[in-house]
Protein backbone atom coordinates (compact mmCIF):
# COMPACT_ATOMS: atom_id res chain seq x y z
CA MET A 1 -60.97 40.18 -10.32
CA SER A 2 -57.52 41.42 -9.34
CA GLU A 3 -56.57 41.87 -5.68
CA VAL A 4 -57.05 45.29 -4.10
CA PHE A 5 -53.88 44.92 -2.04
CA GLU A 6 -50.44 44.24 -3.46
CA ASP A 7 -49.67 41.44 -1.01
CA THR A 8 -46.19 40.67 -2.31
CA LYS A 9 -45.04 44.28 -2.22
CA LYS A 10 -46.54 44.76 1.24
CA GLY A 11 -44.87 41.61 2.54
CA LEU A 12 -41.47 42.67 1.25
CA GLU A 13 -41.81 46.15 2.71
CA GLU A 14 -42.90 44.77 6.07
CA GLY A 15 -39.91 42.41 6.07
CA VAL A 16 -37.55 45.32 5.45
CA ALA A 17 -39.31 47.41 8.11
CA HIS A 18 -39.04 44.57 10.63
CA ALA A 19 -35.33 44.17 9.86
CA ARG A 20 -34.88 47.90 10.56
CA GLY A 21 -36.70 47.53 13.87
CA GLU A 22 -39.72 49.57 12.77
CA ASP A 23 -43.21 48.88 14.10
CA VAL A 24 -44.70 46.94 11.20
CA ALA A 25 -48.22 47.07 12.64
CA LEU A 26 -48.43 50.82 12.11
CA ARG A 27 -47.05 50.90 8.56
CA VAL A 28 -49.50 52.08 5.89
CA HIS A 29 -50.85 49.40 3.61
CA HIS A 30 -50.22 50.09 -0.05
CA ILE A 31 -53.38 49.95 -2.11
CA LYS A 32 -53.51 49.44 -5.82
CA THR A 33 -55.53 51.99 -7.66
CA VAL A 34 -59.12 50.82 -7.88
CA SER A 35 -59.41 50.39 -11.62
CA ASN A 36 -62.79 48.81 -12.30
CA GLU A 37 -66.27 48.44 -10.86
CA ALA A 38 -65.56 45.02 -9.32
CA GLU A 39 -62.54 46.36 -7.41
CA TYR A 40 -64.56 49.42 -6.41
CA ASN A 41 -67.35 47.26 -4.98
CA ALA A 42 -64.83 45.04 -3.15
CA ALA A 43 -63.16 48.13 -1.66
CA LEU A 44 -66.52 49.51 -0.53
CA LYS A 45 -67.38 46.21 1.13
CA GLU A 46 -64.04 46.11 2.96
CA VAL A 47 -64.33 49.75 4.07
CA ASP A 48 -67.74 48.93 5.52
CA SER A 49 -66.19 46.10 7.55
CA LEU A 50 -63.50 48.48 8.87
CA MET A 51 -65.82 51.30 9.99
CA ASP A 52 -64.97 50.64 13.65
CA ALA A 53 -61.20 50.71 13.07
CA GLU A 54 -59.26 52.89 15.47
CA ALA A 55 -56.71 55.45 14.30
CA ASP A 56 -53.03 54.47 14.46
CA THR A 57 -53.74 50.76 14.06
CA THR A 58 -53.22 48.40 11.15
CA LYS A 59 -56.97 48.36 10.48
CA GLY A 60 -57.11 52.15 10.69
CA ALA A 61 -54.31 52.50 8.16
CA ARG A 62 -56.01 50.02 5.85
CA PHE A 63 -59.29 51.93 6.20
CA ASP A 64 -57.62 55.26 5.31
CA SER A 65 -55.79 53.80 2.33
CA LEU A 66 -58.94 52.17 0.98
CA LEU A 67 -60.85 55.44 1.36
CA ASN A 68 -58.20 57.26 -0.67
CA ALA A 69 -58.39 54.64 -3.43
CA ILE A 70 -62.20 54.83 -3.44
CA ARG A 71 -62.18 58.64 -3.56
CA SER A 72 -59.77 58.59 -6.47
CA TYR A 73 -61.90 56.09 -8.39
CA GLU A 74 -65.07 58.07 -7.70
CA ALA A 75 -63.45 61.32 -8.85
CA ARG A 76 -62.54 59.68 -12.16
CA HIS A 77 -65.77 57.76 -12.76
CA TYR A 78 -68.45 59.69 -10.85
CA PRO A 79 -67.37 63.35 -11.01
CA MET A 80 -69.48 65.87 -9.13
CA ASP A 81 -70.36 69.15 -10.79
CA ALA A 82 -69.07 72.09 -8.77
CA LYS A 83 -71.84 74.69 -8.76
């Protein structure tokens, strides 16, 4: 199973942000598109563990990004009929 997070890209971006004096803790985590059922299930499990995350924190940003990736996957693979 491939990783949900692009750790290398995130690490490089955080290094650049730190060099610029930005608050790295509040930067949004970049999520790969959830592309298969295994990644979808892993993302759901992680979202469940982050349900108590507060807004404007690293965990909150991770939670939001995961939700967006999950919503996108569900829209492609489990479309709802609009009636």
